[in-house]
Amino acid sequence: MINDYAGYCATAGENKLHRLAGKFTARNCRTAPASGVVRKAASVLVALTLLAGLSSTFMYSVRINQALDSIGTTKTTLQTLTARQQELAARRSQLESRKYIRIAAAKLGLFSPDDGQIRTLKSP
């Protein structure tokens, strides 16, 4: 439907002018109501759009939760490994001490080493 400010109305091949109170008006100018098929198609399109939006939002939230769980697991593993590394570093320092080496040598029946015989690696 095309309305013209001059009073013409063009719908489905109808161009009718009617005189009403001294003015030309388009009397039979009306919009064509949407048919049932068009309404159903539009409602299906809206429903599918909403469904796609909701499902993508749900999938996005699931992926975020998986990533957060992965981060939490990684943090826990990192804390465990850091604590284990500190324990091992302390144990290494203990094993490198001259006192421990002398005690271990005495248990094996060996004589105590001289100061020049014990060599230790410097830790990075």
C-alpha atoms as a PDB file:
ATOM      1  CA  MET A   1       0.000   0.000   0.000  1.00  0.00           C
ATOM      2  CA  ILE A   2       1.368   3.399  -0.954  1.00  0.00           C
ATOM      3  CA  ASN A   3      -0.177   6.486   0.538  1.00  0.00           C
ATOM      4  CA  ASP A   4       0.220   9.789  -1.206  1.00  0.00           C
ATOM      5  CA  TYR A   5      -0.282  13.071   0.570  1.00  0.00           C
ATOM      6  CA  ALA A   6      -2.519  14.173  -2.253  1.00  0.00           C
ATOM      7  CA  GLY A   7      -5.126  11.642  -1.114  1.00  0.00           C
ATOM      8  CA  TYR A   8      -4.403   8.812  -3.518  1.00  0.00           C
ATOM      9  CA  CYS A   9      -4.241   5.272  -2.275  1.00  0.00           C
ATOM     10  CA  ALA A  10      -2.783   2.485  -4.354  1.00  0.00           C
ATOM     11  CA  THR A  11      -3.515  -1.026  -3.110  1.00  0.00           C
ATOM     12  CA  ALA A  12      -3.884  -4.078  -5.281  1.00  0.00           C
ATOM     13  CA  GLY A  13      -4.640  -2.046  -8.389  1.00  0.00           C
ATOM     14  CA  GLU A  14      -7.191   0.213  -6.724  1.00  0.00           C
ATOM     15  CA  ASN A  15      -6.858   3.931  -7.200  1.00  0.00           C
ATOM     16  CA  LYS A  16     -10.012   5.461  -5.851  1.00  0.00           C
ATOM     17  CA  LEU A  17     -10.641   8.981  -4.762  1.00  0.00           C
ATOM     18  CA  HIS A  18     -13.683   9.898  -2.764  1.00  0.00           C
ATOM     19  CA  ARG A  19     -14.939  13.322  -1.958  1.00  0.00           C
ATOM     20  CA  LEU A  20     -15.735  13.768   1.708  1.00  0.00           C
ATOM     21  CA  ALA A  21     -16.528  17.146   3.220  1.00  0.00           C
ATOM     22  CA  GLY A  22     -14.950  18.993   0.317  1.00  0.00           C
ATOM     23  CA  LYS A  23     -11.682  17.066   0.415  1.00  0.00           C
ATOM     24  CA  PHE A  24     -10.418  14.174  -1.575  1.00  0.00           C
ATOM     25  CA  THR A  25      -9.702  11.151   0.602  1.00  0.00           C
ATOM     26  CA  ALA A  26      -8.748   7.585  -0.066  1.00  0.00           C
ATOM     27  CA  ARG A  27     -11.648   5.750   1.457  1.00  0.00           C
ATOM     28  CA  ASN A  28     -10.918   2.171   0.578  1.00  0.00           C
ATOM     29  CA  CYS A  29      -7.276   2.410   1.535  1.00  0.00           C
ATOM     30  CA  ARG A  30      -6.608  -0.345   4.063  1.00  0.00           C
ATOM     31  CA  THR A  31      -3.652  -2.493   4.956  1.00  0.00           C
ATOM     32  CA  ALA A  32      -3.824  -6.121   4.037  1.00  0.00           C
ATOM     33  CA  PRO A  33      -3.890  -8.220   7.210  1.00  0.00           C
ATOM     34  CA  ALA A  34      -1.172 -10.795   7.484  1.00  0.00           C
ATOM     35  CA  SER A  35      -2.349 -14.218   6.528  1.00  0.00           C
ATOM     36  CA  GLY A  36      -2.191 -17.146   8.940  1.00  0.00           C
ATOM     37  CA  VAL A  37       0.817 -18.643   7.162  1.00  0.00           C
ATOM     38  CA  VAL A  38       2.811 -15.412   7.460  1.00  0.00           C
ATOM     39  CA  ARG A  39       1.959 -15.095  11.145  1.00  0.00           C
ATOM     40  CA  LYS A  40       2.965 -18.707  11.788  1.00  0.00           C
ATOM     41  CA  ALA A  41       6.211 -18.278   9.881  1.00  0.00           C
ATOM     42  CA  ALA A  42       7.018 -15.108  11.811  1.00  0.00           C
ATOM     43  CA  SER A  43       6.251 -16.751  15.141  1.00  0.00           C
ATOM     44  CA  VAL A  44       8.373 -19.790  14.232  1.00  0.00           C
ATOM     45  CA  LEU A  45      11.221 -17.468  13.229  1.00  0.00           C
ATOM     46  CA  VAL A  46      10.974 -15.580  16.528  1.00  0.00           C
ATOM     47  CA  ALA A  47      10.820 -18.840  18.498  1.00  0.00           C
ATOM     48  CA  LEU A  48      13.858 -20.257  16.689  1.00  0.00           C
ATOM     49  CA  THR A  49      15.785 -17.039  17.263  1.00  0.00           C
ATOM     50  CA  LEU A  50      14.991 -17.120  20.971  1.00  0.00           C
ATOM     51  CA  LEU A  51      15.879 -20.802  21.174  1.00  0.00           C
ATOM     52  CA  ALA A  52      19.201 -20.215  19.418  1.00  0.00           C
ATOM     53  CA  GLY A  53      19.995 -17.297  21.728  1.00  0.00           C
ATOM     54  CA  LEU A  54      19.148 -19.219  24.870  1.00  0.00           C
ATOM     55  CA  SER A  55      21.024 -22.339  23.808  1.00  0.00           C
ATOM     56  CA  SER A  56      24.137 -20.367  22.865  1.00  0.00           C
ATOM     57  CA  THR A  57      23.999 -18.552  26.212  1.00  0.00           C
ATOM     58  CA  PHE A  58      23.677 -21.882  28.020  1.00  0.00           C
ATOM     59  CA  MET A  59      26.585 -23.404  26.101  1.00  0.00           C
ATOM     60  CA  TYR A  60      28.715 -20.324  26.777  1.00  0.00           C
ATOM     61  CA  SER A  61      28.018 -20.566  30.520  1.00  0.00           C
ATOM     62  CA  VAL A  62      28.914 -24.282  30.493  1.00  0.00           C
ATOM     63  CA  ARG A  63      32.222 -23.493  28.778  1.00  0.00           C
ATOM     64  CA  ILE A  64      32.959 -20.755  31.333  1.00  0.00           C
ATOM     65  CA  ASN A  65      32.289 -23.166  34.206  1.00  0.00           C
ATOM     66  CA  GLN A  66      34.572 -25.769  32.625  1.00  0.00           C
ATOM     67  CA  ALA A  67      37.331 -23.191  32.242  1.00  0.00           C
ATOM     68  CA  LEU A  68      36.929 -22.053  35.858  1.00  0.00           C
ATOM     69  CA  ASP A  69      37.080 -25.666  37.072  1.00  0.00           C
ATOM     70  CA  SER A  70      40.213 -26.196  35.014  1.00  0.00           C
ATOM     71  CA  ILE A  71      41.783 -23.080  36.518  1.00  0.00           C
ATOM     72  CA  GLY A  72      40.918 -24.255  40.033  1.00  0.00           C
ATOM     73  CA  THR A  73      42.401 -27.696  39.382  1.00  0.00           C
ATOM     74  CA  THR A  74      45.539 -26.144  37.936  1.00  0.00           C
ATOM     75  CA  LYS A  75      45.929 -23.851  40.960  1.00  0.00           C
ATOM     76  CA  THR A  76      45.563 -26.784  43.345  1.00  0.00           C
ATOM     77  CA  THR A  77      48.106 -28.829  41.396  1.00  0.00           C
ATOM     78  CA  LEU A  78      50.504 -25.880  41.322  1.00  0.00           C
ATOM     79  CA  GLN A  79      50.236 -25.401  45.094  1.00  0.00           C
ATOM     80  CA  THR A  80      50.856 -29.109  45.683  1.00  0.00           C
ATOM     81  CA  LEU A  81      53.878 -29.153  43.383  1.00  0.00           C
ATOM     82  CA  THR A  82      55.306 -25.982  44.925  1.00  0.00           C
ATOM     83  CA  ALA A  83      55.034 -27.465  48.416  1.00  0.00           C
ATOM     84  CA  ARG A  84      56.675 -30.690  47.193  1.00  0.00           C
ATOM     85  CA  GLN A  85      59.488 -28.705  45.552  1.00  0.00           C
ATOM     86  CA  GLN A  86      60.152 -26.833  48.798  1.00  0.00           C
ATOM     87  CA  GLU A  87      60.260 -30.119  50.728  1.00  0.00           C
ATOM     88  CA  LEU A  88      62.703 -31.604  48.229  1.00  0.00           C
ATOM     89  CA  ALA A  89      64.903 -28.509  48.307  1.00  0.00           C
ATOM     90  CA  ALA A  90      65.044 -28.696  52.117  1.00  0.00           C
ATOM     91  CA  ARG A  91      65.867 -32.412  51.950  1.00  0.00           C
ATOM     92  CA  ARG A  92      68.611 -31.750  49.393  1.00  0.00           C
ATOM     93  CA  SER A  93      70.147 -29.085  51.625  1.00  0.00           C
ATOM     94  CA  GLN A  94      70.059 -31.539  54.509  1.00  0.00           C
ATOM     95  CA  LEU A  95      71.731 -34.273  52.440  1.00  0.00           C
ATOM     96  CA  GLU A  96      74.459 -31.894  51.291  1.00  0.00           C
ATOM     97  CA  SER A  97      75.398 -30.809  54.801  1.00  0.00           C
ATOM     98  CA  ARG A  98      78.779 -31.958  56.131  1.00  0.00           C
ATOM     99  CA  LYS A  99      77.236 -33.138  59.352  1.00  0.00           C
ATOM    100  CA  TYR A 100      74.893 -35.527  57.515  1.00  0.00           C
ATOM    101  CA  ILE A 101      77.696 -36.852  55.325  1.00  0.00           C
ATOM    102  CA  ARG A 102      79.891 -37.547  58.380  1.00  0.00           C
ATOM    103  CA  ILE A 103      77.027 -39.349  60.147  1.00  0.00           C
ATOM    104  CA  ALA A 104      76.218 -41.416  57.020  1.00  0.00           C
ATOM    105  CA  ALA A 105      79.896 -42.314  56.579  1.00  0.00           C
ATOM    106  CA  ALA A 106      80.184 -43.375  60.222  1.00  0.00           C
ATOM    107  CA  LYS A 107      77.130 -45.653  59.828  1.00  0.00           C
ATOM    108  CA  LEU A 108      78.826 -47.362  56.909  1.00  0.00           C
ATOM    109  CA  GLY A 109      82.061 -47.739  58.864  1.00  0.00           C
ATOM    110  CA  LEU A 110      83.959 -45.208  56.807  1.00  0.00           C
ATOM    111  CA  PHE A 111      86.234 -42.554  58.163  1.00  0.00           C
ATOM    112  CA  SER A 112      85.208 -38.919  58.210  1.00  0.00           C
ATOM    113  CA  PRO A 113      86.219 -37.073  55.055  1.00  0.00           C
ATOM    114  CA  ASP A 114      88.609 -34.175  55.111  1.00  0.00           C
ATOM    115  CA  ASP A 115      87.354 -30.711  54.265  1.00  0.00           C
ATOM    116  CA  GLY A 116      88.870 -30.833  50.765  1.00  0.00           C
ATOM    117  CA  GLN A 117      87.147 -34.111  49.899  1.00  0.00           C
ATOM    118  CA  ILE A 118      83.561 -32.839  50.214  1.00  0.00           C
ATOM    119  CA  ARG A 119      82.343 -30.974  47.192  1.00  0.00           C
ATOM    120  CA  THR A 120      78.892 -29.506  46.885  1.00  0.00           C
ATOM    121  CA  LEU A 121      77.102 -28.199  43.853  1.00  0.00           C
ATOM    122  CA  LYS A 122      75.791 -24.718  44.081  1.00  0.00           C
ATOM    123  CA  SER A 123      72.038 -24.539  43.669  1.00  0.00           C
ATOM    124  CA  PRO A 124      70.795 -22.324  40.866  1.00  0.00           C
END
